[in-house]
Amino acid sequence: MTILYFTSTGNCLAVAKKIGGRLCSIPQMNKTKEYTFSDDSIGIICPVYGLCIPPYVQEFIKKAQFNCSYLFGIITYGFIDGAVCKQMEALGKEKEKSFDYLNTLKMAENYLPQFEMGKEIRKWSGEKGKKEQEEKLNQILADINSKKTSIHHDTYLDQLLTKAHEKSYAYNCGIGMTKHYHVEEGCKGCGICTKVCPMHNIQIVNGKPVFGESCISCLACTQNCPQNAIRLTNEKSRKRYRNASVSLQELIGANQ
């Protein structure tokens, strides 16, 4: 089994590790220009960005060739999943390679401008949150292992919401969230932000991070700053999030 994943705070990597197989980071595959994958089963794991499949992931799928008998996708989300399964299904049909299985998995929401990370951490580290996530993930694992054919149903409201977001999409590669970042004096110029950025969009200049214009708003830099020194002007709190089962070094390895 081959798993292709994109992660910035560890949620999708945690799911990929749980499923197992050959784990391939999409940023690394883009870096090495590896776009042909052959295996009995191939899976794509990515997050929801603004009720949509991130354009970065969409572009990768359009470039990739999947040679397999079973193709599946798992999309993680924190608040609303929208019509992402319909989006993913359409991407497969464009390539004349239909997805056999698509599902969504609710996990901690990590979008700083709208959600307070402390509340999310408490919610998903508690007994109820852990049980909810574990039960859904175990069901997904059972489905995949049995090669179940199933596409998660996106409601009409889901489709309307996703279409509305697509019209004014804010997460394309470009300036992204860069205009909202500012770096506090506590920054030590350690360079972790440069290593977790999947776009290689950050450089350390005179001991401080400088952001380019290839940001995809993944927030990996600010969520994983060891000094908690990269701030957003519109963040809900200073608290930051990384999936408890994923280490900083694993994130660096995935995105460097």
Protein backbone atom coordinates (compact mmCIF):
# COMPACT_ATOMS: atom_id res chain seq x y z
CA MET A 1 0.00 0.00 0.00
CA THR A 2 1.24 3.50 -0.85
CA ILE A 3 -0.02 6.54 1.06
CA LEU A 4 0.45 10.06 -0.33
CA TYR A 5 -0.14 12.73 2.30
CA PHE A 6 0.09 16.46 2.92
CA THR A 7 0.43 17.75 6.48
CA SER A 8 1.30 20.95 8.32
CA THR A 9 0.32 20.23 11.93
CA GLY A 10 0.48 16.45 11.85
CA ASN A 11 -3.17 15.38 11.54
CA CYS A 12 -2.86 13.81 8.10
CA LEU A 13 0.52 12.27 8.94
CA ALA A 14 -1.01 10.72 12.07
CA VAL A 15 -3.71 9.13 9.91
CA ALA A 16 -1.14 7.96 7.36
CA LYS A 17 0.93 6.33 10.11
CA LYS A 18 -2.16 4.57 11.44
CA ILE A 19 -3.00 3.14 8.01
CA GLY A 20 0.60 2.12 7.32
CA GLY A 21 2.35 1.08 4.15
CA ARG A 22 4.81 3.18 2.16
CA LEU A 23 4.31 6.77 3.31
CA CYS A 24 5.11 9.46 0.74
CA SER A 25 4.94 13.17 1.54
CA ILE A 26 3.41 15.14 -1.32
CA PRO A 27 5.88 18.05 -0.86
CA GLN A 28 8.77 15.57 -1.12
CA MET A 29 7.25 13.99 -4.23
CA ASN A 30 6.95 17.44 -5.78
CA LYS A 31 10.55 18.20 -4.86
CA THR A 32 11.86 15.01 -6.51
CA LYS A 33 9.27 15.26 -9.32
CA GLU A 34 8.04 11.74 -8.63
CA TYR A 35 4.54 11.53 -10.03
CA THR A 36 4.07 7.90 -11.03
CA PHE A 37 2.96 5.46 -8.34
CA SER A 38 2.29 1.76 -8.66
CA ASP A 39 0.87 -0.47 -5.95
CA ASP A 40 -2.10 -2.71 -5.24
CA SER A 41 -3.70 0.08 -3.15
CA ILE A 42 -2.94 3.81 -3.24
CA GLY A 43 -4.37 6.37 -0.85
CA ILE A 44 -4.33 10.18 -0.68
CA ILE A 45 -4.68 11.90 2.70
CA CYS A 46 -5.07 15.65 2.89
CA PRO A 47 -6.83 18.36 4.93
CA VAL A 48 -9.78 20.59 4.11
CA TYR A 49 -8.80 24.20 3.39
CA GLY A 50 -11.73 26.60 3.26
CA LEU A 51 -14.25 23.80 2.54
CA CYS A 52 -12.11 22.71 -0.42
CA ILE A 53 -9.30 20.34 -1.34
CA PRO A 54 -6.16 22.53 -1.09
CA PRO A 55 -5.11 23.73 -4.57
CA TYR A 56 -1.58 22.48 -3.80
CA VAL A 57 -2.96 18.94 -3.45
CA GLN A 58 -5.24 19.34 -6.45
CA GLU A 59 -2.30 20.28 -8.66
CA PHE A 60 -0.34 17.27 -7.43
CA ILE A 61 -3.19 14.89 -8.22
CA LYS A 62 -3.50 16.36 -11.72
CA LYS A 63 0.20 15.64 -12.33
CA ALA A 64 0.25 12.17 -10.76
CA GLN A 65 -0.29 8.77 -12.36
CA PHE A 66 -1.86 6.11 -10.15
CA ASN A 67 -1.38 2.50 -11.25
CA CYS A 68 -3.45 0.50 -8.79
CA SER A 69 -6.51 -1.68 -8.42
CA TYR A 70 -7.84 0.30 -5.43
CA LEU A 71 -7.66 4.09 -5.06
CA PHE A 72 -8.92 5.81 -1.92
CA GLY A 73 -8.89 9.21 -0.29
CA ILE A 74 -9.25 10.42 3.31
CA ILE A 75 -9.84 14.12 3.92
CA THR A 76 -9.42 15.49 7.45
CA TYR A 77 -11.38 18.48 8.72
CA GLY A 78 -12.10 20.32 11.93
CA PHE A 79 -15.41 22.16 11.58
CA ILE A 80 -17.24 21.50 8.29
CA ASP A 81 -16.03 19.19 5.54
CA GLY A 82 -18.08 20.68 2.73
CA ALA A 83 -18.21 18.89 -0.63
CA VAL A 84 -14.57 17.82 -0.63
CA CYS A 85 -15.38 14.21 -1.54
CA LYS A 86 -17.22 15.41 -4.62
CA GLN A 87 -14.21 17.58 -5.47
CA MET A 88 -11.83 14.64 -5.06
CA GLU A 89 -14.10 12.38 -7.07
CA ALA A 90 -14.10 14.92 -9.91
CA LEU A 91 -10.30 15.07 -9.86
CA GLY A 92 -10.15 11.30 -10.31
CA LYS A 93 -12.64 11.35 -13.18
CA GLU A 94 -10.59 14.05 -14.93
CA LYS A 95 -7.70 11.59 -14.95
CA GLU A 96 -9.98 8.70 -15.93
CA LYS A 97 -8.99 7.01 -12.66
CA SER A 98 -12.04 6.82 -10.42
CA PHE A 99 -11.72 6.72 -6.65
CA ASP A 100 -13.06 3.51 -5.13
CA TYR A 101 -13.40 4.97 -1.65
CA LEU A 102 -13.65 8.50 -0.25
CA ASN A 103 -14.35 9.52 3.33
CA THR A 104 -13.81 12.39 5.75
CA LEU A 105 -12.41 12.32 9.29
CA LYS A 106 -13.07 14.98 11.90
CA MET A 107 -9.98 15.97 13.88
CA ALA A 108 -8.70 19.03 15.74
CA GLU A 109 -9.36 22.26 13.83
CA ASN A 110 -6.10 24.17 13.40
CA TYR A 111 -7.11 27.34 11.56
CA LEU A 112 -5.83 30.04 13.89
CA PRO A 113 -7.92 33.02 12.65
CA GLN A 114 -11.19 31.31 13.55
CA PHE A 115 -10.47 28.76 16.27
CA GLU A 116 -8.78 28.79 19.68
CA MET A 117 -6.21 26.01 19.77
CA GLY A 118 -6.46 25.47 23.52
CA LYS A 119 -10.13 24.50 23.18
CA GLU A 120 -9.36 22.20 20.27
CA ILE A 121 -6.58 20.46 22.18
CA ARG A 122 -8.79 19.95 25.21
CA LYS A 123 -11.65 18.67 23.09
CA TRP A 124 -9.64 16.07 21.16
CA SER A 125 -7.38 14.99 24.02
CA GLY A 126 -10.39 14.25 26.22
CA GLU A 127 -12.00 10.83 26.47
CA LYS A 128 -15.02 11.73 24.32
CA GLY A 129 -12.96 13.29 21.54
CA LYS A 130 -10.45 10.44 21.47
CA LYS A 131 -13.23 7.86 21.32
CA GLU A 132 -15.07 9.65 18.50
CA GLN A 133 -11.93 9.95 16.39
CA GLU A 134 -10.72 6.42 17.10
CA GLU A 135 -14.05 4.83 16.23
CA LYS A 136 -14.31 6.67 12.91
CA LEU A 137 -10.68 5.96 11.99
CA ASN A 138 -11.03 2.27 12.86
CA GLN A 139 -14.09 2.08 10.61
CA ILE A 140 -12.14 3.73 7.79
CA LEU A 141 -9.28 1.27 8.30
CA ALA A 142 -11.67 -1.67 8.15
CA ASP A 143 -13.20 -0.28 4.96
CA ILE A 144 -9.82 0.19 3.31
CA ASN A 145 -8.49 -3.22 4.36
CA SER A 146 -11.58 -4.90 2.93
CA LYS A 147 -11.35 -2.69 -0.18
CA LYS A 148 -14.84 -1.42 0.31
CA THR A 149 -16.29 0.71 -2.49
CA SER A 150 -17.96 3.77 -1.01
CA ILE A 151 -18.07 7.52 -1.63
CA HIS A 152 -19.01 9.76 1.31
CA HIS A 153 -22.24 11.61 0.55
CA ASP A 154 -21.92 15.38 0.35
CA THR A 155 -25.24 17.08 1.03
CA TYR A 156 -26.70 19.75 -1.21
CA LEU A 157 -25.83 22.34 1.46
CA ASP A 158 -22.23 21.03 1.50
CA GLN A 159 -22.05 21.53 -2.24
CA LEU A 160 -23.44 25.06 -2.06
CA LEU A 161 -20.97 26.04 0.67
CA THR A 162 -17.97 24.65 -1.20
CA LYS A 163 -19.02 26.34 -4.46
CA ALA A 164 -19.36 29.66 -2.62
CA HIS A 165 -15.87 29.29 -1.15
CA GLU A 166 -14.37 28.32 -4.51
CA LYS A 167 -15.52 31.60 -6.04
CA SER A 168 -13.46 33.66 -3.61
CA TYR A 169 -10.84 31.11 -2.62
CA ALA A 170 -8.17 32.52 -0.30
CA TYR A 171 -5.62 29.72 -0.11
CA ASN A 172 -4.02 29.59 -3.55
CA CYS A 173 -0.24 29.64 -3.76
CA GLY A 174 0.90 33.26 -3.54
CA ILE A 175 0.89 35.86 -0.82
CA GLY A 176 -1.41 33.66 1.27
CA MET A 177 -1.33 34.50 4.99
CA THR A 178 2.03 36.28 4.68
CA LYS A 179 0.58 39.76 5.12
CA HIS A 180 -0.85 38.67 8.48
CA TYR A 181 2.43 37.33 9.92
CA HIS A 182 4.67 39.30 12.22
CA VAL A 183 7.69 38.05 14.14
CA GLU A 184 8.20 38.88 17.80
CA GLU A 185 11.47 39.68 19.53
CA GLY A 186 11.47 36.20 21.07
CA CYS A 187 12.49 34.71 17.71
CA LYS A 188 15.95 33.12 17.94
CA GLY A 189 16.41 32.57 14.22
CA CYS A 190 16.49 28.78 14.70
CA GLY A 191 15.16 28.14 11.19
CA ILE A 192 12.48 25.61 12.13
CA CYS A 193 9.95 27.67 10.16
CA THR A 194 12.10 27.29 7.03
CA LYS A 195 12.20 23.52 7.51
CA VAL A 196 8.48 22.89 8.06
CA CYS A 197 7.36 25.14 5.19
CA PRO A 198 6.35 22.82 2.31
CA MET A 199 6.87 25.64 -0.21
CA HIS A 200 10.39 26.61 0.93
CA ASN A 201 8.93 30.09 1.15
CA ILE A 202 10.83 31.27 4.24
CA GLN A 203 14.46 32.37 4.60
CA ILE A 204 16.37 33.48 7.67
CA VAL A 205 17.81 36.94 7.01
CA ASN A 206 19.76 38.72 9.74
CA GLY A 207 18.49 36.21 12.27
CA LYS A 208 14.79 36.60 11.43
CA PRO A 209 12.41 34.79 9.06
CA VAL A 210 11.53 36.56 5.82
CA PHE A 211 8.48 35.33 3.91
CA GLY A 212 8.30 35.07 0.14
CA GLU A 213 5.27 35.02 -2.13
CA SER A 214 4.65 31.28 -2.41
CA CYS A 215 2.58 30.86 0.76
CA ILE A 216 -0.29 28.34 0.70
CA SER A 217 -1.62 29.34 4.15
CA CYS A 218 -0.86 25.97 5.78
CA LEU A 219 0.30 27.78 8.98
CA ALA A 220 3.04 25.19 9.60
CA CYS A 221 5.52 27.96 10.37
CA THR A 222 3.54 29.60 13.15
CA GLN A 223 2.02 26.38 14.53
CA ASN A 224 5.45 24.77 14.94
CA CYS A 225 7.64 27.70 16.01
CA PRO A 226 9.55 26.51 19.13
CA GLN A 227 9.59 30.04 20.56
CA ASN A 228 5.94 30.75 19.65
CA ALA A 229 7.27 33.92 18.06
CA ILE A 230 5.45 33.94 14.69
CA ARG A 231 2.11 35.61 15.21
CA LEU A 232 -0.97 36.25 13.11
CA THR A 233 -2.68 39.62 13.36
CA ASN A 234 -6.10 37.92 13.39
CA GLU A 235 -5.36 34.85 15.51
CA LYS A 236 -7.80 33.79 18.23
CA SER A 237 -5.13 33.06 20.84
CA ARG A 238 -1.41 32.50 21.33
CA LYS A 239 -1.88 28.76 21.82
CA ARG A 240 -0.52 26.53 19.07
CA TYR A 241 -1.31 22.99 17.92
CA ARG A 242 0.52 19.93 16.66
CA ASN A 243 -0.94 16.42 16.63
CA ALA A 244 0.29 14.65 19.76
CA SER A 245 1.33 11.52 17.86
CA VAL A 246 3.57 13.40 15.41
CA SER A 247 6.93 14.88 16.32
CA LEU A 248 8.44 18.11 15.04
CA GLN A 249 11.19 16.10 13.35
CA GLU A 250 8.60 14.04 11.49
CA LEU A 251 7.00 17.23 10.19
CA ILE A 252 10.38 18.56 9.13
CA GLY A 253 11.07 15.27 7.35
CA ALA A 254 7.73 15.47 5.55
CA ASN A 255 8.05 19.05 4.33
CA GLN A 256 11.75 19.81 4.00
